[in-house]
Amino acid sequence: HPPCGGPPPSARRIAAVRAVVLADEVVAPASPDEPPGAGQPQLLAGILRAGLQRAADDRRRVDELVTHFEYDGAVDVPAEGRRASGQGEVKRLLTALFADNEVGTIEVDSDGASVLLSLRDSTDRRRTLRLLATGRGGASRGGGARHGPKIAEVVVHELLDGPAARAESVFGGGGAVVSEELLRPKWETFDGRVRQRIWPDTDLFARGNLFLTEKLELTTGRLIMVVDSAVMELYGPKMEEWAESVDLQLELIVAHANEDRKSLATFTFLLDELKRADPLRRSEPVLCVGGGVLTDTAGFACACWRRGIPWCRLPTTLLGIVDASVGIKVAINYHRKNGVGHFYSPLHTFIDTSFLDTVSRPDIRSGCGEIMKAAIIHDARLYELLDAHGEEMIAANFRGSPEAERVIQYSIDAMLECIGPDLWEEALLRPMDYGHTFSRTLEADESFFLRHGEAVAVDSLFSALIAEAKGLLPSEQADSLLSLYRRLGLPCSIAGITAATYKKARDEIVVHRDGLLRAPLPAGIGQCEYVDEIDDGEIDAAFARLTAFTT
């Protein structure tokens, strides 16, 4: 807040607040001759209908709707075997209802005791829900008679026309969902706690393009953007012209975002800038635009500022699109790579491959290292595409061909399939840890100067040769992989590296993986197997094989 006192900058952007007493929705208490709770179902239905309507008109009002529940109130959806208990879970469930669907009419049913809610779901199907609210009777834990009774439970049933198959949940759920349209997929995951939405669109900052404003649901006329300085230099004027064309004021925070700037100093700079910009607590999500370093660092700042403000990301590099665009990990480097961080999900991720036109060739190959990781350990289709078209795709910066579009789609699919169900890494056997057994140590060694994707590429190849030494990967597939690396210009090794470097890296990763190696290795291209031991002899054999290939 300004040192001279007065309201913070955000207060000047808030429209006047009007308080309304809903006297017409409060009924007289039952007479002394009536049993306790008489007339309560009708009263609760009126309270629920009014709260739902306010939340439908302005999603921020979901908080007010939740205050009509007991502190331990619940929403039960029997057909889905789903129950949200406590005001926090109830809010998350109801927020998903309004976020994922277009709400139509909300009215009290003819019986006076339940609410009918009509909506159009994400598949454009019309649905009708019946919500029955019940209370406990007597005194409520969250308020007295002056505020009406509290809702103890809402039971939700869908009104189906005949024996039609039940559609997907209107409250979200399930695993990764990918549309059948190849070139414009929409990815979505929900693991029971957070939802990931990944939206593709082309040329998001073209004049008049409303895609971002619609998805971000901006209501204040302002968009706060944290932008990589390199991106700002290339696209700053275009972003400003776009903002003017869609009647938005840009609040820009420009940050340097090389790997050596993924630091405590950059983190505190971003916190200071967020204080200056002073975003509204929920209604001004911060859009972070840049490579994986920028989205990691800015996402961590958003996670920490005021204990978490909403944020969205727009990766602009190939590595950012195929790797950093998925998952909820945010961090800075402190004493070790990603030494300080958190799990904090963005509201949305936007994929715009038009940014790839200006990505340097070394950075394109760095991103290709992450694609190769997914190809070797999880999806042989990716390997086949890289083998058949990799050189042309790299030359064109993964633009302008259906093969490049498929590679990007399959790469994101692979990440979602492998990490989407376990975003908090509660399980430590993870296929996408392939390429990360040795690379953490290689990146930390300042004598090597490796990009992240380059380190992953080196690790992925060496791990494949270890798999060959263990008899997991057929030698003809190892030969094919070495040949493909050479044709694509991917790094196979590093000047000055020795077998001892790999042995040190093996020992160091065990701490990160809770005392066990848990190394994913390819049991054939596209297949994963885990091992808890890689002995010195296997490292020596793989290193000798690699040395013979590179010399």
Protein backbone atom coordinates (compact mmCIF):
# COMPACT_ATOMS: atom_id res chain seq x y z
CA HIS A 1 0.00 0.00 0.00
CA PRO A 2 1.18 3.56 -0.56
CA PRO A 3 3.33 4.76 2.36
CA CYS A 4 1.20 7.91 2.63
CA GLY A 5 -1.89 5.83 3.36
CA GLY A 6 -5.05 5.46 1.32
CA PRO A 7 -6.33 2.55 -0.70
CA PRO A 8 -4.00 0.20 -2.57
CA PRO A 9 -3.91 0.53 -6.37
CA SER A 10 -6.23 -2.46 -6.76
CA ALA A 11 -8.98 -0.72 -4.80
CA ARG A 12 -9.30 1.91 -7.51
CA ARG A 13 -10.18 -0.78 -10.04
CA ILE A 14 -13.05 -2.34 -8.06
CA ALA A 15 -16.55 -1.33 -9.09
CA ALA A 16 -18.83 0.01 -6.40
CA VAL A 17 -20.19 -2.75 -4.18
CA ARG A 18 -23.93 -2.89 -3.59
CA ALA A 19 -25.26 -4.82 -0.62
CA VAL A 20 -28.67 -6.41 -1.03
CA VAL A 21 -30.82 -7.82 1.76
CA LEU A 22 -32.82 -10.68 0.32
CA ALA A 23 -35.81 -10.13 2.59
CA ASP A 24 -38.17 -11.77 0.12
CA GLU A 25 -36.32 -15.05 0.54
CA VAL A 26 -36.58 -15.26 4.32
CA VAL A 27 -39.75 -16.82 5.64
CA ALA A 28 -41.22 -16.38 9.06
CA PRO A 29 -40.08 -18.90 11.65
CA ALA A 30 -42.36 -21.75 12.43
CA SER A 31 -44.93 -21.06 15.11
CA PRO A 32 -44.48 -22.63 18.53
CA ASP A 33 -47.11 -25.21 17.62
CA GLU A 34 -45.13 -26.47 14.58
CA PRO A 35 -42.42 -29.11 14.94
CA PRO A 36 -38.73 -28.03 14.67
CA GLY A 37 -37.62 -27.64 11.06
CA ALA A 38 -41.13 -27.04 9.71
CA GLY A 39 -40.92 -25.09 6.47
CA GLN A 40 -37.12 -25.51 6.38
CA PRO A 41 -36.88 -27.40 3.03
CA GLN A 42 -38.64 -24.54 1.24
CA LEU A 43 -36.51 -21.93 2.98
CA LEU A 44 -33.28 -23.78 2.15
CA ALA A 45 -34.37 -24.16 -1.48
CA GLY A 46 -34.85 -20.41 -1.72
CA ILE A 47 -31.47 -19.71 -0.14
CA LEU A 48 -29.75 -22.21 -2.44
CA ARG A 49 -31.45 -20.86 -5.57
CA ALA A 50 -30.49 -17.27 -4.76
CA GLY A 51 -26.90 -18.24 -3.98
CA LEU A 52 -26.57 -20.26 -7.19
CA GLN A 53 -27.97 -17.39 -9.25
CA ARG A 54 -25.52 -14.88 -7.78
CA ALA A 55 -22.62 -17.27 -8.45
CA ALA A 56 -23.81 -17.83 -12.03
CA ASP A 57 -23.90 -14.07 -12.60
CA ASP A 58 -20.46 -13.50 -11.06
CA ARG A 59 -18.29 -16.52 -10.30
CA ARG A 60 -16.55 -14.65 -7.48
CA ARG A 61 -19.83 -15.01 -5.57
CA VAL A 62 -19.26 -18.73 -5.13
CA ASP A 63 -17.62 -17.75 -1.84
CA GLU A 64 -20.92 -16.24 -0.68
CA LEU A 65 -22.84 -19.33 -1.75
CA VAL A 66 -20.52 -21.50 0.33
CA THR A 67 -21.17 -19.41 3.46
CA HIS A 68 -24.75 -20.74 3.41
CA PHE A 69 -23.34 -24.20 4.19
CA GLU A 70 -22.44 -25.49 7.61
CA TYR A 71 -18.69 -25.51 8.15
CA ASP A 72 -18.80 -29.29 7.65
CA GLY A 73 -21.55 -29.14 5.03
CA ALA A 74 -21.44 -31.40 2.00
CA VAL A 75 -22.47 -31.82 -1.62
CA ASP A 76 -23.28 -35.41 -2.56
CA VAL A 77 -23.47 -36.68 -6.17
CA PRO A 78 -24.61 -40.32 -5.71
CA ALA A 79 -24.54 -41.26 -9.39
CA GLU A 80 -20.80 -40.49 -9.49
CA GLY A 81 -19.96 -41.83 -6.05
CA ARG A 82 -18.69 -38.35 -5.28
CA ARG A 83 -18.99 -36.35 -2.08
CA ALA A 84 -17.43 -32.99 -1.21
CA SER A 85 -17.28 -32.42 2.55
CA GLY A 86 -16.38 -29.16 4.25
CA GLN A 87 -16.64 -25.65 2.87
CA GLY A 88 -13.29 -25.87 1.04
CA GLU A 89 -14.22 -28.98 -0.93
CA VAL A 90 -17.73 -27.67 -1.54
CA LYS A 91 -16.29 -24.49 -3.02
CA ARG A 92 -13.99 -26.43 -5.33
CA LEU A 93 -16.85 -28.60 -6.55
CA LEU A 94 -19.22 -25.68 -7.15
CA THR A 95 -16.46 -23.64 -8.82
CA ALA A 96 -15.93 -26.51 -11.27
CA LEU A 97 -19.66 -26.53 -11.98
CA PHE A 98 -19.65 -22.87 -13.02
CA ALA A 99 -16.25 -23.01 -14.74
CA ASP A 100 -16.98 -26.02 -16.94
CA ASN A 101 -20.58 -25.36 -17.95
CA GLU A 102 -22.82 -22.62 -19.31
CA VAL A 103 -25.52 -22.21 -16.69
CA GLY A 104 -29.05 -21.46 -17.90
CA THR A 105 -32.11 -21.19 -15.69
CA ILE A 106 -32.10 -21.71 -11.93
CA GLU A 107 -35.51 -22.07 -10.31
CA VAL A 108 -37.24 -23.67 -7.36
CA ASP A 109 -39.10 -26.80 -8.43
CA SER A 110 -42.89 -27.05 -8.17
CA ASP A 111 -42.54 -29.00 -4.93
CA GLY A 112 -40.91 -25.93 -3.38
CA ALA A 113 -38.22 -28.05 -1.73
CA SER A 114 -35.61 -28.53 -4.48
CA VAL A 115 -33.82 -26.44 -7.10
CA LEU A 116 -33.71 -27.20 -10.82
CA LEU A 117 -30.56 -26.03 -12.61
CA SER A 118 -30.33 -26.23 -16.39
CA LEU A 119 -26.99 -25.97 -18.15
CA ARG A 120 -25.06 -26.70 -21.32
CA ASP A 121 -21.96 -28.80 -20.63
CA SER A 122 -18.53 -28.71 -22.29
CA THR A 123 -19.76 -31.08 -25.03
CA ASP A 124 -22.65 -28.69 -25.82
CA ARG A 125 -25.19 -31.10 -24.32
CA ARG A 126 -28.15 -29.71 -22.41
CA ARG A 127 -28.45 -31.09 -18.86
CA THR A 128 -30.80 -30.55 -15.91
CA LEU A 129 -29.81 -31.10 -12.29
CA ARG A 130 -32.10 -31.37 -9.27
CA LEU A 131 -30.48 -30.13 -6.06
CA LEU A 132 -32.13 -30.94 -2.74
CA ALA A 133 -30.81 -29.03 0.27
CA THR A 134 -31.32 -30.27 3.81
CA GLY A 135 -30.44 -28.75 7.17
CA ARG A 136 -29.95 -30.03 10.66
CA GLY A 137 -32.67 -28.04 12.36
CA GLY A 138 -32.00 -26.07 15.51
CA ALA A 139 -28.97 -23.82 15.90
CA SER A 140 -26.40 -23.69 13.12
CA ARG A 141 -22.67 -23.61 13.70
CA GLY A 142 -22.11 -20.92 11.09
CA GLY A 143 -24.78 -18.34 11.87
CA GLY A 144 -27.99 -17.67 13.73
CA ALA A 145 -31.65 -17.35 12.77
CA ARG A 146 -31.06 -13.78 11.63
CA HIS A 147 -29.24 -15.17 8.57
CA GLY A 148 -31.54 -18.12 8.02
CA PRO A 149 -30.72 -21.78 8.49
CA LYS A 150 -27.52 -23.31 7.17
CA ILE A 151 -27.32 -26.04 4.55
CA ALA A 152 -25.99 -29.31 5.94
CA GLU A 153 -26.10 -31.24 2.66
CA VAL A 154 -27.06 -30.81 -0.98
CA VAL A 155 -27.85 -34.00 -2.90
CA VAL A 156 -27.51 -33.68 -6.68
CA HIS A 157 -29.39 -35.87 -9.15
CA GLU A 158 -29.49 -35.47 -12.91
CA LEU A 159 -32.86 -35.63 -14.66
CA LEU A 160 -32.36 -38.00 -17.59
CA ASP A 161 -34.71 -38.41 -20.54
CA GLY A 162 -35.28 -42.15 -20.73
CA PRO A 163 -32.47 -44.72 -20.46
CA ALA A 164 -29.87 -42.48 -22.10
CA ALA A 165 -26.28 -43.15 -21.15
CA ARG A 166 -25.01 -40.81 -18.50
CA ALA A 167 -22.71 -38.10 -19.86
CA GLU A 168 -19.43 -36.93 -18.37
CA SER A 169 -19.51 -35.22 -15.01
CA VAL A 170 -20.56 -31.57 -14.91
CA PHE A 171 -18.27 -31.21 -11.88
CA GLY A 172 -15.13 -32.29 -13.74
CA GLY A 173 -13.21 -35.50 -13.24
CA GLY A 174 -11.59 -38.40 -14.99
CA GLY A 175 -8.15 -38.62 -16.54
CA ALA A 176 -6.67 -36.87 -19.55
CA VAL A 177 -9.26 -36.02 -22.18
CA VAL A 178 -8.07 -35.31 -25.70
CA SER A 179 -10.40 -34.26 -28.48
CA GLU A 180 -10.35 -36.25 -31.69
CA GLU A 181 -9.48 -33.24 -33.79
CA LEU A 182 -5.79 -33.78 -34.53
CA LEU A 183 -4.40 -30.33 -35.06
CA ARG A 184 -6.44 -28.41 -32.47
CA PRO A 185 -6.72 -30.68 -29.44
CA LYS A 186 -7.80 -29.52 -26.03
CA TRP A 187 -6.15 -31.35 -23.13
CA GLU A 188 -7.66 -31.49 -19.68
CA THR A 189 -6.83 -33.45 -16.55
CA PHE A 190 -8.29 -33.57 -13.07
CA ASP A 191 -6.61 -35.58 -10.34
CA GLY A 192 -9.15 -34.91 -7.61
CA ARG A 193 -7.43 -31.76 -6.39
CA VAL A 194 -6.48 -29.54 -9.31
CA ARG A 195 -7.50 -29.23 -12.90
CA GLN A 196 -5.11 -28.65 -15.79
CA ARG A 197 -6.45 -27.04 -18.96
CA ILE A 198 -4.15 -26.79 -21.96
CA TRP A 199 -5.50 -24.79 -24.88
CA PRO A 200 -3.96 -24.55 -28.35
CA ASP A 201 -4.49 -21.52 -30.55
CA THR A 202 -2.52 -19.80 -33.29
CA ASP A 203 -1.17 -16.26 -33.12
CA LEU A 204 -2.70 -15.40 -29.76
CA PHE A 205 -1.47 -11.81 -29.97
CA ALA A 206 -2.92 -11.09 -33.40
CA ARG A 207 -5.01 -7.92 -33.44
CA GLY A 208 -8.56 -8.62 -32.34
CA ASN A 209 -7.90 -12.19 -31.13
CA LEU A 210 -10.16 -12.62 -28.10
CA PHE A 211 -9.06 -16.15 -27.18
CA LEU A 212 -6.96 -15.11 -24.16
CA THR A 213 -9.47 -12.59 -22.84
CA GLU A 214 -12.29 -15.13 -23.04
CA LYS A 215 -10.38 -17.92 -21.32
CA LEU A 216 -8.93 -15.64 -18.63
CA GLU A 217 -12.37 -14.12 -18.01
CA LEU A 218 -10.90 -10.68 -17.42
CA THR A 219 -13.37 -8.25 -15.88
CA THR A 220 -11.20 -5.33 -14.78
CA GLY A 221 -9.88 -4.23 -18.17
CA ARG A 222 -6.31 -5.02 -17.10
CA LEU A 223 -3.97 -7.92 -17.85
CA ILE A 224 -0.83 -8.43 -15.76
CA MET A 225 1.86 -10.18 -17.79
CA VAL A 226 5.26 -11.46 -16.69
CA VAL A 227 7.29 -11.63 -19.91
CA ASP A 228 10.74 -13.01 -20.70
CA SER A 229 12.95 -10.08 -21.76
CA ALA A 230 13.93 -11.89 -24.98
CA VAL A 231 10.26 -12.43 -25.85
CA MET A 232 9.49 -8.82 -25.01
CA GLU A 233 12.19 -7.61 -27.37
CA LEU A 234 10.74 -9.67 -30.22
CA TYR A 235 7.02 -9.41 -29.56
CA GLY A 236 6.52 -6.42 -27.24
CA PRO A 237 5.07 -4.04 -29.87
CA LYS A 238 2.76 -6.77 -31.16
CA MET A 239 1.50 -7.52 -27.64
CA GLU A 240 0.81 -3.85 -27.00
CA GLU A 241 -1.07 -3.48 -30.30
CA TRP A 242 -3.09 -6.59 -29.47
CA ALA A 243 -4.00 -5.25 -26.02
CA GLU A 244 -5.20 -1.98 -27.55
CA SER A 245 -7.28 -3.88 -30.13
CA VAL A 246 -9.12 -5.86 -27.42
CA ASP A 247 -9.46 -2.88 -25.09
CA LEU A 248 -7.07 -4.11 -22.41
CA GLN A 249 -4.50 -2.25 -20.33
CA LEU A 250 -1.24 -4.22 -20.12
CA GLU A 251 0.64 -4.21 -16.84
CA LEU A 252 4.03 -5.56 -17.91
CA ILE A 253 6.64 -7.19 -15.69
CA VAL A 254 9.75 -7.93 -17.75
CA ALA A 255 12.28 -10.43 -16.38
CA HIS A 256 15.52 -11.97 -17.63
CA ALA A 257 15.01 -15.71 -17.75
CA ASN A 258 18.19 -17.57 -18.61
CA GLU A 259 19.02 -20.61 -16.46
CA ASP A 260 21.51 -18.52 -14.46
CA ARG A 261 18.66 -16.10 -13.66
CA LYS A 262 16.43 -18.83 -12.21
CA SER A 263 17.56 -17.49 -8.89
CA LEU A 264 16.55 -16.04 -5.56
CA ALA A 265 17.32 -12.56 -6.90
CA THR A 266 14.89 -12.95 -9.81
CA PHE A 267 12.30 -14.46 -7.48
CA THR A 268 12.41 -11.48 -5.09
CA PHE A 269 12.37 -9.08 -8.07
CA LEU A 270 9.14 -10.71 -9.23
CA LEU A 271 7.64 -10.50 -5.75
CA ASP A 272 8.41 -6.76 -5.68
CA GLU A 273 6.84 -6.34 -9.12
CA LEU A 274 3.71 -8.24 -8.06
CA LYS A 275 3.44 -5.92 -5.07
CA ARG A 276 3.67 -2.96 -7.43
CA ALA A 277 1.06 -4.37 -9.82
CA ASP A 278 -1.15 -5.40 -6.87
CA PRO A 279 -3.42 -7.92 -8.65
CA LEU A 280 -6.90 -8.52 -7.32
CA ARG A 281 -6.90 -11.68 -5.22
CA ARG A 282 -8.85 -13.86 -7.65
CA SER A 283 -10.04 -11.79 -10.63
CA GLU A 284 -6.74 -10.79 -12.25
CA PRO A 285 -4.80 -13.96 -13.11
CA VAL A 286 -1.18 -13.28 -14.01
CA LEU A 287 -0.15 -14.47 -17.50
CA CYS A 288 3.47 -15.69 -17.64
CA VAL A 289 4.95 -15.64 -21.15
CA GLY A 290 8.33 -17.19 -21.94
CA GLY A 291 10.37 -20.37 -21.81
CA GLY A 292 10.39 -22.97 -19.06
CA VAL A 293 12.73 -20.94 -16.83
CA LEU A 294 10.37 -17.96 -16.91
CA THR A 295 7.22 -19.98 -16.24
CA ASP A 296 8.94 -21.94 -13.43
CA THR A 297 10.22 -18.81 -11.69
CA ALA A 298 7.17 -16.61 -12.22
CA GLY A 299 4.85 -19.46 -11.26
CA PHE A 300 6.73 -19.86 -7.99
CA ALA A 301 6.41 -16.13 -7.30
CA CYS A 302 2.65 -16.37 -7.90
CA ALA A 303 2.48 -19.38 -5.58
CA CYS A 304 4.09 -17.38 -2.78
CA TRP A 305 2.61 -13.90 -3.21
CA ARG A 306 -0.30 -13.57 -0.76
CA ARG A 307 -0.12 -17.37 -0.26
CA GLY A 308 -1.06 -17.92 -3.89
CA ILE A 309 -2.64 -15.86 -6.63
CA PRO A 310 -4.04 -17.34 -9.86
CA TRP A 311 -1.67 -17.58 -12.79
CA CYS A 312 -1.59 -18.89 -16.35
CA ARG A 313 1.34 -19.77 -18.60
CA LEU A 314 2.14 -19.36 -22.25
CA PRO A 315 5.36 -21.23 -23.11
CA THR A 316 7.23 -19.79 -26.10
CA THR A 317 10.01 -22.38 -26.68
CA LEU A 318 9.81 -25.94 -27.97
CA LEU A 319 11.01 -27.30 -24.64
CA GLY A 320 8.47 -25.15 -22.81
CA ILE A 321 5.66 -26.41 -25.04
CA VAL A 322 6.41 -30.14 -24.87
CA ASP A 323 7.69 -30.33 -21.29
CA ALA A 324 7.17 -27.31 -19.05
CA SER A 325 3.60 -26.85 -20.31
CA VAL A 326 2.49 -29.93 -18.38
CA GLY A 327 2.54 -30.39 -14.63
CA ILE A 328 2.31 -28.09 -11.63
CA LYS A 329 5.91 -27.86 -10.40
CA VAL A 330 7.37 -24.37 -9.98
CA ALA A 331 10.80 -23.60 -8.59
CA ILE A 332 14.04 -21.65 -8.56
CA ASN A 333 17.60 -22.92 -8.33
CA TYR A 334 19.00 -22.57 -4.81
CA HIS A 335 22.04 -24.65 -3.77
CA ARG A 336 20.87 -27.20 -6.37
CA LYS A 337 18.71 -27.25 -9.48
CA ASN A 338 15.11 -26.51 -8.48
CA GLY A 339 16.27 -26.52 -4.86
CA VAL A 340 13.35 -24.37 -3.66
CA GLY A 341 9.89 -24.71 -5.14
CA HIS A 342 6.32 -25.80 -4.80
CA PHE A 343 3.46 -27.60 -6.53
CA TYR A 344 1.11 -24.89 -7.81
CA SER A 345 -1.19 -25.37 -10.77
CA PRO A 346 -1.89 -22.66 -13.34
CA LEU A 347 -5.51 -22.01 -14.24
CA HIS A 348 -4.73 -22.42 -17.93
CA THR A 349 -1.82 -23.21 -20.22
CA PHE A 350 -1.85 -21.81 -23.76
CA ILE A 351 0.03 -23.46 -26.63
CA ASP A 352 0.88 -21.13 -29.53
CA THR A 353 3.44 -22.64 -31.89
CA SER A 354 3.80 -19.39 -33.85
CA PHE A 355 6.43 -18.39 -31.28
CA LEU A 356 8.66 -21.20 -32.57
CA ASP A 357 9.46 -19.15 -35.69
CA THR A 358 11.93 -17.05 -33.68
CA VAL A 359 13.44 -19.78 -31.48
CA SER A 360 17.15 -20.40 -32.13
CA ARG A 361 18.26 -23.69 -33.64
CA PRO A 362 20.20 -24.77 -30.51
CA ASP A 363 17.06 -24.18 -28.44
CA ILE A 364 15.00 -26.17 -30.95
CA ARG A 365 17.41 -29.09 -30.56
CA SER A 366 17.23 -28.66 -26.79
CA GLY A 367 13.46 -29.09 -26.97
CA CYS A 368 13.99 -32.07 -29.24
CA GLY A 369 15.94 -33.71 -26.40
CA GLU A 370 12.77 -33.75 -24.28
CA ILE A 371 10.78 -35.13 -27.21
CA MET A 372 13.37 -37.88 -27.63
CA LYS A 373 13.03 -38.75 -23.94
CA ALA A 374 9.29 -39.37 -24.35
CA ALA A 375 9.86 -41.28 -27.59
CA ILE A 376 12.39 -43.70 -26.10
CA ILE A 377 10.60 -44.43 -22.84
CA HIS A 378 6.90 -44.12 -23.65
CA ASP A 379 5.69 -43.61 -27.23
CA ALA A 380 7.24 -45.41 -30.19
CA ARG A 381 5.10 -43.28 -32.54
CA LEU A 382 7.22 -40.28 -31.60
CA TYR A 383 10.38 -42.23 -32.35
CA GLU A 384 9.05 -43.24 -35.77
CA LEU A 385 8.13 -39.63 -36.61
CA LEU A 386 11.55 -38.34 -35.54
CA ASP A 387 13.26 -41.11 -37.48
CA ALA A 388 11.28 -40.38 -40.66
CA HIS A 389 10.94 -36.59 -40.53
CA GLY A 390 13.17 -35.28 -37.72
CA GLU A 391 15.71 -33.46 -39.87
CA GLU A 392 13.02 -31.59 -41.81
CA MET A 393 11.10 -30.70 -38.63
CA ILE A 394 14.19 -29.28 -36.95
CA ALA A 395 15.06 -27.28 -40.09
CA ALA A 396 11.55 -25.77 -40.03
CA ASN A 397 11.51 -25.17 -36.25
CA PHE A 398 8.70 -27.73 -35.91
CA ARG A 399 6.39 -25.52 -37.95
CA GLY A 400 4.34 -25.95 -41.07
CA SER A 401 3.84 -29.70 -41.32
CA PRO A 402 1.29 -32.21 -40.02
CA GLU A 403 4.18 -34.35 -38.75
CA ALA A 404 5.42 -31.52 -36.52
CA GLU A 405 1.89 -30.98 -35.20
CA ARG A 406 1.64 -34.68 -34.37
CA VAL A 407 4.99 -34.65 -32.59
CA ILE A 408 3.88 -31.76 -30.38
CA GLN A 409 0.52 -33.40 -29.71
CA TYR A 410 2.01 -36.81 -28.90
CA SER A 411 4.65 -35.22 -26.65
CA ILE A 412 2.03 -33.42 -24.57
CA ASP A 413 -0.11 -36.58 -24.56
CA ALA A 414 2.83 -38.56 -23.23
CA MET A 415 3.49 -36.11 -20.41
CA LEU A 416 -0.18 -36.02 -19.41
CA GLU A 417 -0.54 -39.80 -19.51
CA CYS A 418 2.52 -40.28 -17.32
CA ILE A 419 2.29 -37.42 -14.83
CA GLY A 420 -1.33 -36.25 -15.05
CA PRO A 421 -2.65 -38.80 -12.52
CA ASP A 422 0.09 -37.95 -9.96
CA LEU A 423 0.91 -34.26 -10.19
CA TRP A 424 2.31 -34.17 -6.63
CA GLU A 425 4.81 -36.96 -7.29
CA GLU A 426 3.46 -39.10 -4.48
CA ALA A 427 4.67 -42.12 -6.48
CA LEU A 428 8.37 -42.02 -7.33
CA LEU A 429 8.34 -44.58 -10.15
CA ARG A 430 7.81 -42.12 -12.99
CA PRO A 431 8.49 -42.84 -16.68
CA MET A 432 9.18 -39.17 -17.37
CA ASP A 433 12.10 -39.27 -14.94
CA TYR A 434 13.88 -40.91 -17.85
CA GLY A 435 16.64 -38.61 -19.01
CA HIS A 436 16.87 -37.16 -15.48
CA THR A 437 18.97 -39.77 -13.70
CA PHE A 438 22.31 -38.21 -14.70
CA SER A 439 21.24 -34.85 -16.16
CA ARG A 440 20.75 -33.04 -12.84
CA THR A 441 24.44 -33.45 -12.06
CA LEU A 442 25.50 -32.61 -15.63
CA GLU A 443 23.49 -29.36 -15.59
CA ALA A 444 24.86 -28.35 -12.21
CA ASP A 445 28.47 -28.73 -13.44
CA GLU A 446 29.33 -25.24 -14.69
CA SER A 447 32.16 -26.59 -16.83
CA PHE A 448 29.64 -28.19 -19.22
CA PHE A 449 27.30 -25.20 -19.96
CA LEU A 450 24.34 -27.35 -20.95
CA ARG A 451 20.81 -26.34 -21.77
CA HIS A 452 18.25 -28.45 -19.94
CA GLY A 453 17.13 -30.32 -23.06
CA GLU A 454 20.73 -30.95 -24.06
CA ALA A 455 21.46 -32.53 -20.68
CA VAL A 456 18.30 -34.65 -21.00
CA ALA A 457 19.36 -35.77 -24.51
CA VAL A 458 22.81 -36.82 -23.27
CA ASP A 459 21.26 -38.65 -20.30
CA SER A 460 18.61 -40.36 -22.46
CA LEU A 461 21.22 -41.76 -24.83
CA PHE A 462 23.55 -42.93 -22.06
CA SER A 463 20.65 -44.51 -20.16
CA ALA A 464 19.66 -46.36 -23.34
CA LEU A 465 23.18 -47.74 -23.63
CA ILE A 466 23.00 -48.89 -20.00
CA ALA A 467 19.72 -50.62 -20.87
CA GLU A 468 21.57 -52.33 -23.72
CA ALA A 469 24.31 -53.42 -21.31
CA LYS A 470 21.64 -54.88 -19.02
CA GLY A 471 20.04 -56.78 -21.89
CA LEU A 472 16.85 -54.68 -21.81
CA LEU A 473 17.31 -52.80 -25.10
CA PRO A 474 18.13 -54.83 -28.23
CA SER A 475 21.46 -53.83 -29.80
CA GLU A 476 19.83 -53.10 -33.16
CA GLN A 477 17.58 -50.52 -31.46
CA ALA A 478 20.59 -49.00 -29.70
CA ASP A 479 22.33 -48.75 -33.10
CA SER A 480 19.24 -47.08 -34.58
CA LEU A 481 19.15 -44.59 -31.70
CA LEU A 482 22.81 -43.66 -32.10
CA SER A 483 22.28 -43.13 -35.82
CA LEU A 484 19.21 -40.97 -35.22
CA TYR A 485 21.06 -38.78 -32.72
CA ARG A 486 23.79 -38.21 -35.30
CA ARG A 487 21.32 -37.32 -38.07
CA LEU A 488 19.36 -34.90 -35.86
CA GLY A 489 22.48 -33.24 -34.47
CA LEU A 490 21.53 -34.04 -30.88
CA PRO A 491 24.35 -34.04 -28.32
CA CYS A 492 25.63 -37.54 -27.56
CA SER A 493 28.31 -36.67 -25.03
CA ILE A 494 30.20 -33.71 -23.56
CA ALA A 495 33.84 -32.77 -23.85
CA GLY A 496 35.63 -33.61 -20.61
CA ILE A 497 33.03 -36.04 -19.27
CA THR A 498 34.19 -39.40 -17.90
CA ALA A 499 32.60 -42.59 -16.64
CA ALA A 500 33.32 -41.28 -13.14
CA THR A 501 30.99 -38.32 -13.83
CA TYR A 502 28.12 -40.70 -14.51
CA LYS A 503 28.91 -42.73 -11.38
CA LYS A 504 28.81 -39.57 -9.28
CA ALA A 505 25.49 -38.55 -10.86
CA ARG A 506 24.00 -41.99 -10.16
CA ASP A 507 24.90 -41.71 -6.50
CA GLU A 508 23.56 -38.15 -6.15
CA ILE A 509 20.13 -38.85 -7.65
CA VAL A 510 19.40 -41.52 -5.03
CA VAL A 511 18.81 -38.78 -2.41
CA HIS A 512 16.23 -37.08 -4.63
CA ARG A 513 14.45 -40.41 -5.16
CA ASP A 514 14.14 -41.19 -1.44
CA GLY A 515 17.08 -43.54 -1.05
CA LEU A 516 16.44 -45.79 -4.06
CA LEU A 517 17.70 -45.37 -7.61
CA ARG A 518 14.30 -46.02 -9.27
CA ALA A 519 15.86 -45.47 -12.70
CA PRO A 520 13.47 -45.83 -15.67
CA LEU A 521 15.15 -47.62 -18.58
CA PRO A 522 13.83 -48.56 -22.04
CA ALA A 523 12.90 -52.22 -22.39
CA GLY A 524 12.63 -51.71 -26.13
CA ILE A 525 11.73 -48.38 -27.77
CA GLY A 526 8.57 -47.02 -26.17
CA GLN A 527 8.60 -49.41 -23.21
CA CYS A 528 9.65 -48.65 -19.63
CA GLU A 529 11.21 -50.79 -16.92
CA TYR A 530 12.60 -49.64 -13.56
CA VAL A 531 15.87 -50.70 -11.96
CA ASP A 532 17.29 -50.02 -8.51
CA GLU A 533 20.86 -50.83 -9.44
CA ILE A 534 23.24 -49.64 -12.13
CA ASP A 535 26.66 -51.01 -11.26
CA ASP A 536 30.03 -49.52 -12.16
CA GLY A 537 30.65 -52.20 -14.76
CA GLU A 538 27.47 -51.30 -16.65
CA ILE A 539 28.42 -47.62 -16.62
CA ASP A 540 31.91 -48.49 -17.88
CA ALA A 541 30.44 -50.66 -20.69
CA ALA A 542 27.98 -47.95 -21.76
CA PHE A 543 30.71 -45.30 -21.68
CA ALA A 544 33.03 -47.45 -23.81
CA ARG A 545 30.22 -48.02 -26.34
CA LEU A 546 29.51 -44.27 -26.49
CA THR A 547 33.18 -43.35 -26.79
CA ALA A 548 33.62 -45.75 -29.69
CA PHE A 549 30.66 -44.12 -31.46
CA THR A 550 31.75 -40.51 -30.93
CA THR A 551 35.44 -40.91 -31.83
